[in-house]
Amino acid sequence: MKQTTTISIYSIILDETIYPRKAIDHKRVAMFADNIRDGFTFDPIEVEPVPGRPGIYRILDGAHRWSAYKAMGITEIKAIIQNLDGTDPLLYAATKAIGPRQLTEEEARETARRAYNKNARLSSTDIGKAIGRARRTVDSYIADLRAVIQMDMDLKIFRMHRLGIPQERIAERLGHPQKTISNHLAILATLPKWLNTDLSKGFTVSQVAEKHSWTEPMVWSLALEGKEDIERFKEIGWRIRTWDHWEWNDCDRRFGDDWPGRIPAQMIAHILYYFSKQDNLVLDPMAGGGVTPDVCLALNRRCWSFDMMDRPETRPEIESHTWKLGKDTTPSWPVT
């Protein structure tokens, strides 16, 4: 039995990100208010502490009762403070909404999609139990989201694999078992099929990248397969300069993100051209906006890149690492 505590009504908020209903039903609030006037007592509402906001709680169950208490000018109410211990608060709140007034079809669908968007590892069965719907129904709710998230993961795996990052590091980076990564790689050989078809029809790299939602460097890695470095430079539109005379007034915006201190992709390409060969391993300990791994994709070099800034969604190939320096320490490399 959870312990009931009396807390200030002003310390409680309605967090719409974990509220499964479309809106507060004001007729239901008025009904509760009338019952309170008549002396009825209700079960305590359920709340959980708001992350990062000490002394503030958000409602898990009892939003209409809470609203009625506020409308009546009551300043303190009984509540059960829950510790969900990793349980999704949105789905927990949805389980509480199955009682006398179930979630509407629209509310159930939206809750399922919000929960899956937040955590793609949730199964349709888990979501269905929370919102009171069958697994197949949940499947229909989230089919498009599942396809997008699946493709997003496939592209991350494909990109990292193409840069020569070992499977165990890909698995650790993406938070999946290595067996899952291995299984994906076995079927990813067909992933470039449609892009190669468009390239063979004369579509430009930028057109193919936009059509299939790939980055341009990834498409260049396909378009330039089998070509020597000189051919790659020509196709990309770079003129090879002598090894002792490099000067560029701008950055090639196709490679790397907009980033403080961004360096020209042309410069990285020349370093790779003169001082490495195709399939060599390149290490970039300060990858920043990702110019080096992007150029490595275009010039067929493997690349392990690291940076203090962690951007796993947009730059999964750039692993987070901080070199700590001190009198009694020496820099430790993230890989051996």
C-alpha atoms as a PDB file:
ATOM      1  CA  MET A   1       0.000   0.000   0.000  1.00  0.00           C
ATOM      2  CA  LYS A   2       1.453   3.305  -1.076  1.00  0.00           C
ATOM      3  CA  GLN A   3       1.722   5.949   1.626  1.00  0.00           C
ATOM      4  CA  THR A   4      -0.555   8.963   1.317  1.00  0.00           C
ATOM      5  CA  THR A   5       0.966  12.411   1.876  1.00  0.00           C
ATOM      6  CA  THR A   6      -0.624  15.850   2.173  1.00  0.00           C
ATOM      7  CA  ILE A   7       1.047  18.323  -0.197  1.00  0.00           C
ATOM      8  CA  SER A   8       0.388  21.856  -1.420  1.00  0.00           C
ATOM      9  CA  ILE A   9      -1.856  21.974  -4.450  1.00  0.00           C
ATOM     10  CA  TYR A  10       0.421  24.692  -5.857  1.00  0.00           C
ATOM     11  CA  SER A  11       3.355  22.279  -5.954  1.00  0.00           C
ATOM     12  CA  ILE A  12       1.499  20.121  -8.478  1.00  0.00           C
ATOM     13  CA  ILE A  13       1.494  20.723 -12.232  1.00  0.00           C
ATOM     14  CA  LEU A  14      -0.246  19.140 -15.188  1.00  0.00           C
ATOM     15  CA  ASP A  15       2.577  18.118 -17.540  1.00  0.00           C
ATOM     16  CA  GLU A  16       1.004  17.740 -20.978  1.00  0.00           C
ATOM     17  CA  THR A  17       3.948  15.645 -22.202  1.00  0.00           C
ATOM     18  CA  ILE A  18       2.832  12.787 -19.945  1.00  0.00           C
ATOM     19  CA  TYR A  19      -0.920  13.473 -19.996  1.00  0.00           C
ATOM     20  CA  PRO A  20      -2.677  10.887 -22.201  1.00  0.00           C
ATOM     21  CA  ARG A  21      -5.899  12.815 -22.750  1.00  0.00           C
ATOM     22  CA  LYS A  22      -6.474  15.489 -25.353  1.00  0.00           C
ATOM     23  CA  ALA A  23      -7.666  18.033 -22.784  1.00  0.00           C
ATOM     24  CA  ILE A  24      -9.269  18.479 -19.383  1.00  0.00           C
ATOM     25  CA  ASP A  25     -13.028  17.781 -19.463  1.00  0.00           C
ATOM     26  CA  HIS A  26     -14.473  20.812 -17.666  1.00  0.00           C
ATOM     27  CA  LYS A  27     -17.888  19.161 -17.236  1.00  0.00           C
ATOM     28  CA  ARG A  28     -16.181  16.361 -15.328  1.00  0.00           C
ATOM     29  CA  VAL A  29     -14.311  18.940 -13.209  1.00  0.00           C
ATOM     30  CA  ALA A  30     -17.615  20.640 -12.364  1.00  0.00           C
ATOM     31  CA  MET A  31     -19.111  17.274 -11.356  1.00  0.00           C
ATOM     32  CA  PHE A  32     -16.198  16.610  -8.991  1.00  0.00           C
ATOM     33  CA  ALA A  33     -16.517  20.128  -7.554  1.00  0.00           C
ATOM     34  CA  ASP A  34     -20.211  19.536  -6.796  1.00  0.00           C
ATOM     35  CA  ASN A  35     -19.338  16.253  -5.095  1.00  0.00           C
ATOM     36  CA  ILE A  36     -16.695  17.975  -2.972  1.00  0.00           C
ATOM     37  CA  ARG A  37     -19.270  20.566  -1.833  1.00  0.00           C
ATOM     38  CA  ASP A  38     -21.581  17.707  -0.862  1.00  0.00           C
ATOM     39  CA  GLY A  39     -18.907  16.230   1.356  1.00  0.00           C
ATOM     40  CA  PHE A  40     -17.743  13.356  -0.839  1.00  0.00           C
ATOM     41  CA  THR A  41     -14.149  12.169  -0.435  1.00  0.00           C
ATOM     42  CA  PHE A  42     -12.052  10.757  -3.263  1.00  0.00           C
ATOM     43  CA  ASP A  43      -8.992   8.565  -3.604  1.00  0.00           C
ATOM     44  CA  PRO A  44      -5.682  10.463  -3.411  1.00  0.00           C
ATOM     45  CA  ILE A  45      -4.286  11.652  -6.700  1.00  0.00           C
ATOM     46  CA  GLU A  46      -1.012  10.131  -7.889  1.00  0.00           C
ATOM     47  CA  VAL A  47       2.008  12.257  -8.700  1.00  0.00           C
ATOM     48  CA  GLU A  48       5.736  11.869  -9.337  1.00  0.00           C
ATOM     49  CA  PRO A  49       8.566  14.336  -8.718  1.00  0.00           C
ATOM     50  CA  VAL A  50       9.364  16.484 -11.746  1.00  0.00           C
ATOM     51  CA  PRO A  51      12.934  15.726 -12.879  1.00  0.00           C
ATOM     52  CA  GLY A  52      15.236  18.630 -12.116  1.00  0.00           C
ATOM     53  CA  ARG A  53      12.610  20.595 -10.148  1.00  0.00           C
ATOM     54  CA  PRO A  54      12.836  19.789  -6.415  1.00  0.00           C
ATOM     55  CA  GLY A  55       9.534  20.097  -4.540  1.00  0.00           C
ATOM     56  CA  ILE A  56       7.437  20.089  -7.745  1.00  0.00           C
ATOM     57  CA  TYR A  57       5.240  17.159  -8.754  1.00  0.00           C
ATOM     58  CA  ARG A  58       3.416  16.234 -11.947  1.00  0.00           C
ATOM     59  CA  ILE A  59       0.107  14.413 -12.127  1.00  0.00           C
ATOM     60  CA  LEU A  60      -0.012  10.744 -13.063  1.00  0.00           C
ATOM     61  CA  ASP A  61      -3.624  10.131 -12.091  1.00  0.00           C
ATOM     62  CA  GLY A  62      -6.375  12.493 -10.941  1.00  0.00           C
ATOM     63  CA  ALA A  63      -6.118  15.565 -13.177  1.00  0.00           C
ATOM     64  CA  HIS A  64      -9.867  16.226 -12.962  1.00  0.00           C
ATOM     65  CA  ARG A  65      -9.951  15.838  -9.185  1.00  0.00           C
ATOM     66  CA  TRP A  66      -6.931  18.149  -8.875  1.00  0.00           C
ATOM     67  CA  SER A  67      -8.636  20.737 -11.099  1.00  0.00           C
ATOM     68  CA  ALA A  68     -11.812  20.535  -8.977  1.00  0.00           C
ATOM     69  CA  TYR A  69      -9.860  21.028  -5.746  1.00  0.00           C
ATOM     70  CA  LYS A  70      -8.180  24.103  -7.258  1.00  0.00           C
ATOM     71  CA  ALA A  71     -11.543  25.460  -8.394  1.00  0.00           C
ATOM     72  CA  MET A  72     -12.860  25.058  -4.830  1.00  0.00           C
ATOM     73  CA  GLY A  73      -9.907  27.033  -3.409  1.00  0.00           C
ATOM     74  CA  ILE A  74      -8.492  24.065  -1.515  1.00  0.00           C
ATOM     75  CA  THR A  75      -4.762  24.565  -0.933  1.00  0.00           C
ATOM     76  CA  GLU A  76      -3.676  21.146   0.325  1.00  0.00           C
ATOM     77  CA  ILE A  77      -4.666  17.713  -0.977  1.00  0.00           C
ATOM     78  CA  LYS A  78      -3.806  14.110  -0.322  1.00  0.00           C
ATOM     79  CA  ALA A  79      -1.493  12.486  -2.847  1.00  0.00           C
ATOM     80  CA  ILE A  80       0.545   9.349  -3.399  1.00  0.00           C
ATOM     81  CA  ILE A  81       4.064  10.189  -4.549  1.00  0.00           C
ATOM     82  CA  GLN A  82       5.147   7.491  -6.978  1.00  0.00           C
ATOM     83  CA  ASN A  83       8.650   6.376  -7.893  1.00  0.00           C
ATOM     84  CA  LEU A  84       8.168   4.844 -11.310  1.00  0.00           C
ATOM     85  CA  ASP A  85      11.702   3.419 -11.381  1.00  0.00           C
ATOM     86  CA  GLY A  86      12.108   3.623 -15.158  1.00  0.00           C
ATOM     87  CA  THR A  87       8.482   3.048 -16.144  1.00  0.00           C
ATOM     88  CA  ASP A  88       7.350   5.468 -18.849  1.00  0.00           C
ATOM     89  CA  PRO A  89       5.200   8.062 -17.010  1.00  0.00           C
ATOM     90  CA  LEU A  90       3.004   8.608 -20.082  1.00  0.00           C
ATOM     91  CA  LEU A  91       2.115   4.932 -20.283  1.00  0.00           C
ATOM     92  CA  TYR A  92       1.633   4.712 -16.516  1.00  0.00           C
ATOM     93  CA  ALA A  93      -0.788   7.639 -16.712  1.00  0.00           C
ATOM     94  CA  ALA A  94      -2.551   5.897 -19.620  1.00  0.00           C
ATOM     95  CA  THR A  95      -3.134   2.769 -17.519  1.00  0.00           C
ATOM     96  CA  LYS A  96      -4.930   4.961 -14.977  1.00  0.00           C
ATOM     97  CA  ALA A  97      -7.188   6.376 -17.696  1.00  0.00           C
ATOM     98  CA  ILE A  98      -8.784   3.014 -18.512  1.00  0.00           C
ATOM     99  CA  GLY A  99     -11.286   3.255 -15.637  1.00  0.00           C
ATOM    100  CA  PRO A 100     -14.717   4.926 -15.866  1.00  0.00           C
ATOM    101  CA  ARG A 101     -13.705   7.152 -18.772  1.00  0.00           C
ATOM    102  CA  GLN A 102     -11.472   5.276 -21.192  1.00  0.00           C
ATOM    103  CA  LEU A 103      -9.165   6.924 -23.689  1.00  0.00           C
ATOM    104  CA  THR A 104     -10.859   7.832 -26.928  1.00  0.00           C
ATOM    105  CA  GLU A 105      -9.535   6.343 -30.154  1.00  0.00           C
ATOM    106  CA  GLU A 106      -7.727   9.601 -30.941  1.00  0.00           C
ATOM    107  CA  GLU A 107      -6.231   9.793 -27.443  1.00  0.00           C
ATOM    108  CA  ALA A 108      -5.099   6.152 -27.541  1.00  0.00           C
ATOM    109  CA  ARG A 109      -3.459   6.596 -30.941  1.00  0.00           C
ATOM    110  CA  GLU A 110      -1.681   9.793 -29.941  1.00  0.00           C
ATOM    111  CA  THR A 111      -0.486   8.290 -26.656  1.00  0.00           C
ATOM    112  CA  ALA A 112       0.882   5.229 -28.464  1.00  0.00           C
ATOM    113  CA  ARG A 113       2.748   7.404 -30.960  1.00  0.00           C
ATOM    114  CA  ARG A 114       4.162   9.712 -28.294  1.00  0.00           C
ATOM    115  CA  ALA A 115       5.359   6.750 -26.219  1.00  0.00           C
ATOM    116  CA  TYR A 116       6.976   5.021 -29.210  1.00  0.00           C
ATOM    117  CA  ASN A 117       8.617   8.224 -30.398  1.00  0.00           C
ATOM    118  CA  LYS A 118      10.183   8.612 -26.976  1.00  0.00           C
ATOM    119  CA  ASN A 119      11.291   4.979 -26.683  1.00  0.00           C
ATOM    120  CA  ALA A 120      11.365   2.884 -29.849  1.00  0.00           C
ATOM    121  CA  ARG A 121      12.226  -0.216 -27.823  1.00  0.00           C
ATOM    122  CA  LEU A 122       8.708  -0.391 -26.408  1.00  0.00           C
ATOM    123  CA  SER A 123       6.780  -3.314 -27.860  1.00  0.00           C
ATOM    124  CA  SER A 124       3.286  -3.011 -29.265  1.00  0.00           C
ATOM    125  CA  THR A 125       2.147  -5.374 -26.523  1.00  0.00           C
ATOM    126  CA  ASP A 126       3.557  -3.137 -23.767  1.00  0.00           C
ATOM    127  CA  ILE A 127       1.935  -0.056 -25.261  1.00  0.00           C
ATOM    128  CA  GLY A 128      -1.336  -1.894 -25.847  1.00  0.00           C
ATOM    129  CA  LYS A 129      -1.566  -2.997 -22.206  1.00  0.00           C
ATOM    130  CA  ALA A 130      -1.179   0.610 -21.089  1.00  0.00           C
ATOM    131  CA  ILE A 131      -3.746   2.167 -23.417  1.00  0.00           C
ATOM    132  CA  GLY A 132      -6.248  -0.713 -23.459  1.00  0.00           C
ATOM    133  CA  ARG A 133      -5.785  -1.698 -27.105  1.00  0.00           C
ATOM    134  CA  ALA A 134      -4.804  -4.905 -28.909  1.00  0.00           C
ATOM    135  CA  ARG A 135      -1.253  -5.362 -30.221  1.00  0.00           C
ATOM    136  CA  ARG A 136      -2.410  -5.258 -33.855  1.00  0.00           C
ATOM    137  CA  THR A 137      -4.199  -1.990 -33.212  1.00  0.00           C
ATOM    138  CA  VAL A 138      -1.038  -0.487 -31.755  1.00  0.00           C
ATOM    139  CA  ASP A 139       0.902  -1.802 -34.767  1.00  0.00           C
ATOM    140  CA  SER A 140      -1.420   0.184 -37.029  1.00  0.00           C
ATOM    141  CA  TYR A 141      -0.981   3.289 -34.864  1.00  0.00           C
ATOM    142  CA  ILE A 142       2.808   3.304 -35.083  1.00  0.00           C
ATOM    143  CA  ALA A 143       3.579   1.576 -38.403  1.00  0.00           C
ATOM    144  CA  ASP A 144       4.868   4.736 -40.101  1.00  0.00           C
ATOM    145  CA  LEU A 145       6.932   5.775 -37.066  1.00  0.00           C
ATOM    146  CA  ARG A 146       8.440   2.315 -36.824  1.00  0.00           C
ATOM    147  CA  ALA A 147       9.472   2.420 -40.491  1.00  0.00           C
ATOM    148  CA  VAL A 148      11.112   5.837 -40.101  1.00  0.00           C
ATOM    149  CA  ILE A 149      12.963   4.865 -36.923  1.00  0.00           C
ATOM    150  CA  GLN A 150      14.062   1.580 -38.502  1.00  0.00           C
ATOM    151  CA  MET A 151      15.434   3.383 -41.550  1.00  0.00           C
ATOM    152  CA  ASP A 152      17.174   5.909 -39.325  1.00  0.00           C
ATOM    153  CA  MET A 153      18.951   3.124 -37.446  1.00  0.00           C
ATOM    154  CA  ASP A 154      19.816   1.328 -40.686  1.00  0.00           C
ATOM    155  CA  LEU A 155      21.441   4.485 -42.064  1.00  0.00           C
ATOM    156  CA  LYS A 156      23.452   5.003 -38.881  1.00  0.00           C
ATOM    157  CA  ILE A 157      24.715   1.415 -38.948  1.00  0.00           C
ATOM    158  CA  PHE A 158      25.475   1.601 -42.673  1.00  0.00           C
ATOM    159  CA  ARG A 159      27.362   4.897 -42.285  1.00  0.00           C
ATOM    160  CA  MET A 160      29.447   3.727 -39.315  1.00  0.00           C
ATOM    161  CA  HIS A 161      30.212   0.387 -40.950  1.00  0.00           C
ATOM    162  CA  ARG A 162      31.300   2.160 -44.124  1.00  0.00           C
ATOM    163  CA  LEU A 163      33.754   4.197 -42.050  1.00  0.00           C
ATOM    164  CA  GLY A 164      35.291   1.006 -40.689  1.00  0.00           C
ATOM    165  CA  ILE A 165      33.997   1.256 -37.131  1.00  0.00           C
ATOM    166  CA  PRO A 166      33.969  -2.237 -35.531  1.00  0.00           C
ATOM    167  CA  GLN A 167      30.629  -3.876 -34.798  1.00  0.00           C
ATOM    168  CA  GLU A 168      31.132  -3.910 -31.041  1.00  0.00           C
ATOM    169  CA  ARG A 169      31.646  -0.134 -31.022  1.00  0.00           C
ATOM    170  CA  ILE A 170      28.645   0.425 -33.288  1.00  0.00           C
ATOM    171  CA  ALA A 171      26.558  -1.666 -30.890  1.00  0.00           C
ATOM    172  CA  GLU A 172      27.773   0.260 -27.860  1.00  0.00           C
ATOM    173  CA  ARG A 173      27.257   3.603 -29.577  1.00  0.00           C
ATOM    174  CA  LEU A 174      23.690   2.851 -30.704  1.00  0.00           C
ATOM    175  CA  GLY A 175      22.694   0.978 -27.548  1.00  0.00           C
ATOM    176  CA  HIS A 176      21.840  -2.319 -29.239  1.00  0.00           C
ATOM    177  CA  PRO A 177      23.213  -5.851 -28.823  1.00  0.00           C
ATOM    178  CA  GLN A 178      26.034  -6.693 -31.209  1.00  0.00           C
ATOM    179  CA  LYS A 179      23.920  -9.528 -32.609  1.00  0.00           C
ATOM    180  CA  THR A 180      21.303  -6.949 -33.663  1.00  0.00           C
ATOM    181  CA  ILE A 181      23.976  -4.925 -35.478  1.00  0.00           C
ATOM    182  CA  SER A 182      25.295  -8.072 -37.151  1.00  0.00           C
ATOM    183  CA  ASN A 183      21.806  -9.053 -38.298  1.00  0.00           C
ATOM    184  CA  HIS A 184      21.208  -5.581 -39.716  1.00  0.00           C
ATOM    185  CA  LEU A 185      24.490  -5.570 -41.608  1.00  0.00           C
ATOM    186  CA  ALA A 186      23.547  -8.848 -43.256  1.00  0.00           C
ATOM    187  CA  ILE A 187      20.514  -7.227 -44.891  1.00  0.00           C
ATOM    188  CA  LEU A 188      21.920  -3.731 -45.482  1.00  0.00           C
ATOM    189  CA  ALA A 189      23.623  -4.749 -48.708  1.00  0.00           C
ATOM    190  CA  THR A 190      20.372  -3.950 -50.507  1.00  0.00           C
ATOM    191  CA  LEU A 191      20.063  -0.499 -48.934  1.00  0.00           C
ATOM    192  CA  PRO A 192      21.905   1.395 -51.737  1.00  0.00           C
ATOM    193  CA  LYS A 193      19.937  -0.322 -54.523  1.00  0.00           C
ATOM    194  CA  TRP A 194      17.445   2.463 -55.198  1.00  0.00           C
ATOM    195  CA  LEU A 195      20.062   5.195 -54.875  1.00  0.00           C
ATOM    196  CA  ASN A 196      22.366   3.478 -57.344  1.00  0.00           C
ATOM    197  CA  THR A 197      19.449   3.102 -59.721  1.00  0.00           C
ATOM    198  CA  ASP A 198      18.767   6.846 -59.593  1.00  0.00           C
ATOM    199  CA  LEU A 199      22.466   7.655 -60.012  1.00  0.00           C
ATOM    200  CA  SER A 200      22.614   5.407 -63.091  1.00  0.00           C
ATOM    201  CA  LYS A 201      19.680   7.354 -64.564  1.00  0.00           C
ATOM    202  CA  GLY A 202      21.659  10.596 -64.398  1.00  0.00           C
ATOM    203  CA  PHE A 203      20.299  12.122 -61.201  1.00  0.00           C
ATOM    204  CA  THR A 204      22.868  14.295 -59.421  1.00  0.00           C
ATOM    205  CA  VAL A 205      24.255  13.373 -56.013  1.00  0.00           C
ATOM    206  CA  SER A 206      22.385  16.263 -54.354  1.00  0.00           C
ATOM    207  CA  GLN A 207      19.111  15.207 -56.010  1.00  0.00           C
ATOM    208  CA  VAL A 208      19.515  11.593 -54.883  1.00  0.00           C
ATOM    209  CA  ALA A 209      20.469  12.686 -51.361  1.00  0.00           C
ATOM    210  CA  GLU A 210      17.377  14.866 -51.066  1.00  0.00           C
ATOM    211  CA  LYS A 211      15.060  12.243 -52.538  1.00  0.00           C
ATOM    212  CA  HIS A 212      16.189   9.435 -50.204  1.00  0.00           C
ATOM    213  CA  SER A 213      17.027  11.574 -47.130  1.00  0.00           C
ATOM    214  CA  TRP A 214      20.691  10.584 -47.164  1.00  0.00           C
ATOM    215  CA  THR A 215      23.591  12.939 -46.541  1.00  0.00           C
ATOM    216  CA  GLU A 216      25.551  13.977 -49.625  1.00  0.00           C
ATOM    217  CA  PRO A 217      28.816  12.404 -48.393  1.00  0.00           C
ATOM    218  CA  MET A 218      27.017   9.064 -48.047  1.00  0.00           C
ATOM    219  CA  VAL A 219      25.712   9.309 -51.611  1.00  0.00           C
ATOM    220  CA  TRP A 220      29.169  10.325 -52.838  1.00  0.00           C
ATOM    221  CA  SER A 221      30.550   7.163 -51.236  1.00  0.00           C
ATOM    222  CA  LEU A 222      28.222   5.176 -53.504  1.00  0.00           C
ATOM    223  CA  ALA A 223      28.596   7.297 -56.622  1.00  0.00           C
ATOM    224  CA  LEU A 224      32.404   7.132 -56.527  1.00  0.00           C
ATOM    225  CA  GLU A 225      32.768   3.422 -55.735  1.00  0.00           C
ATOM    226  CA  GLY A 226      35.660   1.809 -57.579  1.00  0.00           C
ATOM    227  CA  LYS A 227      37.200   5.120 -58.697  1.00  0.00           C
ATOM    228  CA  GLU A 228      40.749   6.296 -58.060  1.00  0.00           C
ATOM    229  CA  ASP A 229      41.415   9.411 -55.984  1.00  0.00           C
ATOM    230  CA  ILE A 230      42.038  11.621 -59.041  1.00  0.00           C
ATOM    231  CA  GLU A 231      38.671  10.587 -60.503  1.00  0.00           C
ATOM    232  CA  ARG A 232      36.978  11.254 -57.170  1.00  0.00           C
ATOM    233  CA  PHE A 233      38.413  14.773 -56.998  1.00  0.00           C
ATOM    234  CA  LYS A 234      37.202  15.465 -60.524  1.00  0.00           C
ATOM    235  CA  GLU A 235      33.675  14.143 -59.889  1.00  0.00           C
ATOM    236  CA  ILE A 236      33.316  16.158 -56.672  1.00  0.00           C
ATOM    237  CA  GLY A 237      34.583  19.297 -58.398  1.00  0.00           C
ATOM    238  CA  TRP A 238      37.884  19.772 -56.595  1.00  0.00           C
ATOM    239  CA  ARG A 239      41.104  20.590 -58.436  1.00  0.00           C
ATOM    240  CA  ILE A 240      44.173  18.834 -57.047  1.00  0.00           C
ATOM    241  CA  ARG A 241      46.829  21.340 -56.013  1.00  0.00           C
ATOM    242  CA  THR A 242      50.521  20.743 -55.506  1.00  0.00           C
ATOM    243  CA  TRP A 243      51.435  19.470 -52.079  1.00  0.00           C
ATOM    244  CA  ASP A 244      53.128  22.737 -51.021  1.00  0.00           C
ATOM    245  CA  HIS A 245      50.571  25.293 -52.228  1.00  0.00           C
ATOM    246  CA  TRP A 246      47.167  25.104 -50.524  1.00  0.00           C
ATOM    247  CA  GLU A 247      44.892  28.101 -50.156  1.00  0.00           C
ATOM    248  CA  TRP A 248      41.119  28.113 -49.895  1.00  0.00           C
ATOM    249  CA  ASN A 249      38.859  31.074 -49.237  1.00  0.00           C
ATOM    250  CA  ASP A 250      35.749  29.053 -48.386  1.00  0.00           C
ATOM    251  CA  CYS A 251      34.484  25.720 -47.056  1.00  0.00           C
ATOM    252  CA  ASP A 252      32.694  23.169 -49.199  1.00  0.00           C
ATOM    253  CA  ARG A 253      29.277  23.173 -47.528  1.00  0.00           C
ATOM    254  CA  ARG A 254      28.526  19.650 -48.728  1.00  0.00           C
ATOM    255  CA  PHE A 255      30.945  18.206 -46.179  1.00  0.00           C
ATOM    256  CA  GLY A 256      30.645  18.771 -42.447  1.00  0.00           C
ATOM    257  CA  ASP A 257      28.175  20.761 -40.369  1.00  0.00           C
ATOM    258  CA  ASP A 258      28.085  24.486 -39.743  1.00  0.00           C
ATOM    259  CA  TRP A 259      30.554  24.550 -36.861  1.00  0.00           C
ATOM    260  CA  PRO A 260      32.850  27.020 -35.069  1.00  0.00           C
ATOM    261  CA  GLY A 261      36.333  26.788 -36.534  1.00  0.00           C
ATOM    262  CA  ARG A 262      35.111  24.742 -39.497  1.00  0.00           C
ATOM    263  CA  ILE A 263      37.952  23.727 -41.799  1.00  0.00           C
ATOM    264  CA  PRO A 264      37.680  23.378 -45.583  1.00  0.00           C
ATOM    265  CA  ALA A 265      36.849  19.878 -46.779  1.00  0.00           C
ATOM    266  CA  GLN A 266      39.235  20.569 -49.661  1.00  0.00           C
ATOM    267  CA  MET A 267      42.129  20.751 -47.197  1.00  0.00           C
ATOM    268  CA  ILE A 268      41.207  17.423 -45.552  1.00  0.00           C
ATOM    269  CA  ALA A 269      40.879  15.877 -49.021  1.00  0.00           C
ATOM    270  CA  HIS A 270      44.391  17.023 -49.971  1.00  0.00           C
ATOM    271  CA  ILE A 271      45.866  15.685 -46.718  1.00  0.00           C
ATOM    272  CA  LEU A 272      44.264  12.327 -47.436  1.00  0.00           C
ATOM    273  CA  TYR A 273      45.342  12.392 -51.086  1.00  0.00           C
ATOM    274  CA  TYR A 274      49.005  13.065 -50.361  1.00  0.00           C
ATOM    275  CA  PHE A 275      49.461  11.184 -47.085  1.00  0.00           C
ATOM    276  CA  SER A 276      47.113   8.176 -47.200  1.00  0.00           C
ATOM    277  CA  LYS A 277      45.677   5.537 -49.490  1.00  0.00           C
ATOM    278  CA  GLN A 278      42.174   4.228 -49.974  1.00  0.00           C
ATOM    279  CA  ASP A 279      40.978   2.002 -47.104  1.00  0.00           C
ATOM    280  CA  ASN A 280      43.611   3.438 -44.745  1.00  0.00           C
ATOM    281  CA  LEU A 281      42.398   4.211 -41.217  1.00  0.00           C
ATOM    282  CA  VAL A 282      42.212   7.922 -40.328  1.00  0.00           C
ATOM    283  CA  LEU A 283      41.952   9.077 -36.697  1.00  0.00           C
ATOM    284  CA  ASP A 284      40.411  12.468 -35.930  1.00  0.00           C
ATOM    285  CA  PRO A 285      40.578  13.243 -32.179  1.00  0.00           C
ATOM    286  CA  MET A 286      38.818  16.630 -32.546  1.00  0.00           C
ATOM    287  CA  ALA A 287      36.138  15.920 -35.136  1.00  0.00           C
ATOM    288  CA  GLY A 288      33.929  18.953 -34.454  1.00  0.00           C
ATOM    289  CA  GLY A 289      31.385  19.300 -37.261  1.00  0.00           C
ATOM    290  CA  GLY A 290      32.387  16.086 -38.996  1.00  0.00           C
ATOM    291  CA  VAL A 291      34.336  17.338 -42.012  1.00  0.00           C
ATOM    292  CA  THR A 292      36.918  14.549 -41.737  1.00  0.00           C
ATOM    293  CA  PRO A 293      34.513  11.561 -41.614  1.00  0.00           C
ATOM    294  CA  ASP A 294      32.458  13.101 -44.433  1.00  0.00           C
ATOM    295  CA  VAL A 295      35.518  13.449 -46.664  1.00  0.00           C
ATOM    296  CA  CYS A 296      36.649   9.954 -45.699  1.00  0.00           C
ATOM    297  CA  LEU A 297      33.337   8.612 -46.976  1.00  0.00           C
ATOM    298  CA  ALA A 298      33.847  10.352 -50.318  1.00  0.00           C
ATOM    299  CA  LEU A 299      37.498   9.256 -50.653  1.00  0.00           C
ATOM    300  CA  ASN A 300      37.046   5.694 -49.361  1.00  0.00           C
ATOM    301  CA  ARG A 301      39.028   5.980 -46.135  1.00  0.00           C
ATOM    302  CA  ARG A 302      38.074   4.397 -42.879  1.00  0.00           C
ATOM    303  CA  CYS A 303      37.679   6.914 -40.076  1.00  0.00           C
ATOM    304  CA  TRP A 304      37.449   6.787 -36.301  1.00  0.00           C
ATOM    305  CA  SER A 305      36.502  10.207 -34.991  1.00  0.00           C
ATOM    306  CA  PHE A 306      36.010  11.631 -31.500  1.00  0.00           C
ATOM    307  CA  ASP A 307      34.919  14.891 -29.913  1.00  0.00           C
ATOM    308  CA  MET A 308      33.911  16.351 -26.539  1.00  0.00           C
ATOM    309  CA  MET A 309      30.512  17.280 -27.964  1.00  0.00           C
ATOM    310  CA  ASP A 310      28.227  14.247 -28.116  1.00  0.00           C
ATOM    311  CA  ARG A 311      25.631  14.193 -30.916  1.00  0.00           C
ATOM    312  CA  PRO A 312      24.514  10.577 -31.218  1.00  0.00           C
ATOM    313  CA  GLU A 313      21.427  11.330 -33.303  1.00  0.00           C
ATOM    314  CA  THR A 314      23.004  13.484 -36.007  1.00  0.00           C
ATOM    315  CA  ARG A 315      26.631  12.313 -35.781  1.00  0.00           C
ATOM    316  CA  PRO A 316      26.721   8.727 -34.481  1.00  0.00           C
ATOM    317  CA  GLU A 317      30.106   8.152 -36.112  1.00  0.00           C
ATOM    318  CA  ILE A 318      31.719  10.822 -33.899  1.00  0.00           C
ATOM    319  CA  GLU A 319      32.139   9.152 -30.522  1.00  0.00           C
ATOM    320  CA  SER A 320      32.183  11.177 -27.324  1.00  0.00           C
ATOM    321  CA  HIS A 321      35.525  11.367 -25.550  1.00  0.00           C
ATOM    322  CA  THR A 322      37.324  13.868 -23.326  1.00  0.00           C
ATOM    323  CA  TRP A 323      41.066  13.870 -22.924  1.00  0.00           C
ATOM    324  CA  LYS A 324      41.807  14.677 -19.295  1.00  0.00           C
ATOM    325  CA  LEU A 325      45.170  16.266 -18.653  1.00  0.00           C
ATOM    326  CA  GLY A 326      46.912  16.726 -15.323  1.00  0.00           C
ATOM    327  CA  LYS A 327      50.308  16.564 -13.668  1.00  0.00           C
ATOM    328  CA  ASP A 328      49.958  12.914 -12.759  1.00  0.00           C
ATOM    329  CA  THR A 329      47.986  11.690 -15.770  1.00  0.00           C
ATOM    330  CA  THR A 330      48.711  11.025 -19.404  1.00  0.00           C
ATOM    331  CA  PRO A 331      46.051  11.235 -22.140  1.00  0.00           C
ATOM    332  CA  SER A 332      44.288   7.925 -22.614  1.00  0.00           C
ATOM    333  CA  TRP A 333      43.211   6.994 -26.120  1.00  0.00           C
ATOM    334  CA  PRO A 334      39.569   5.984 -26.548  1.00  0.00           C
ATOM    335  CA  VAL A 335      40.579   3.035 -28.728  1.00  0.00           C
ATOM    336  CA  THR A 336      43.591   0.760 -28.906  1.00  0.00           C
END
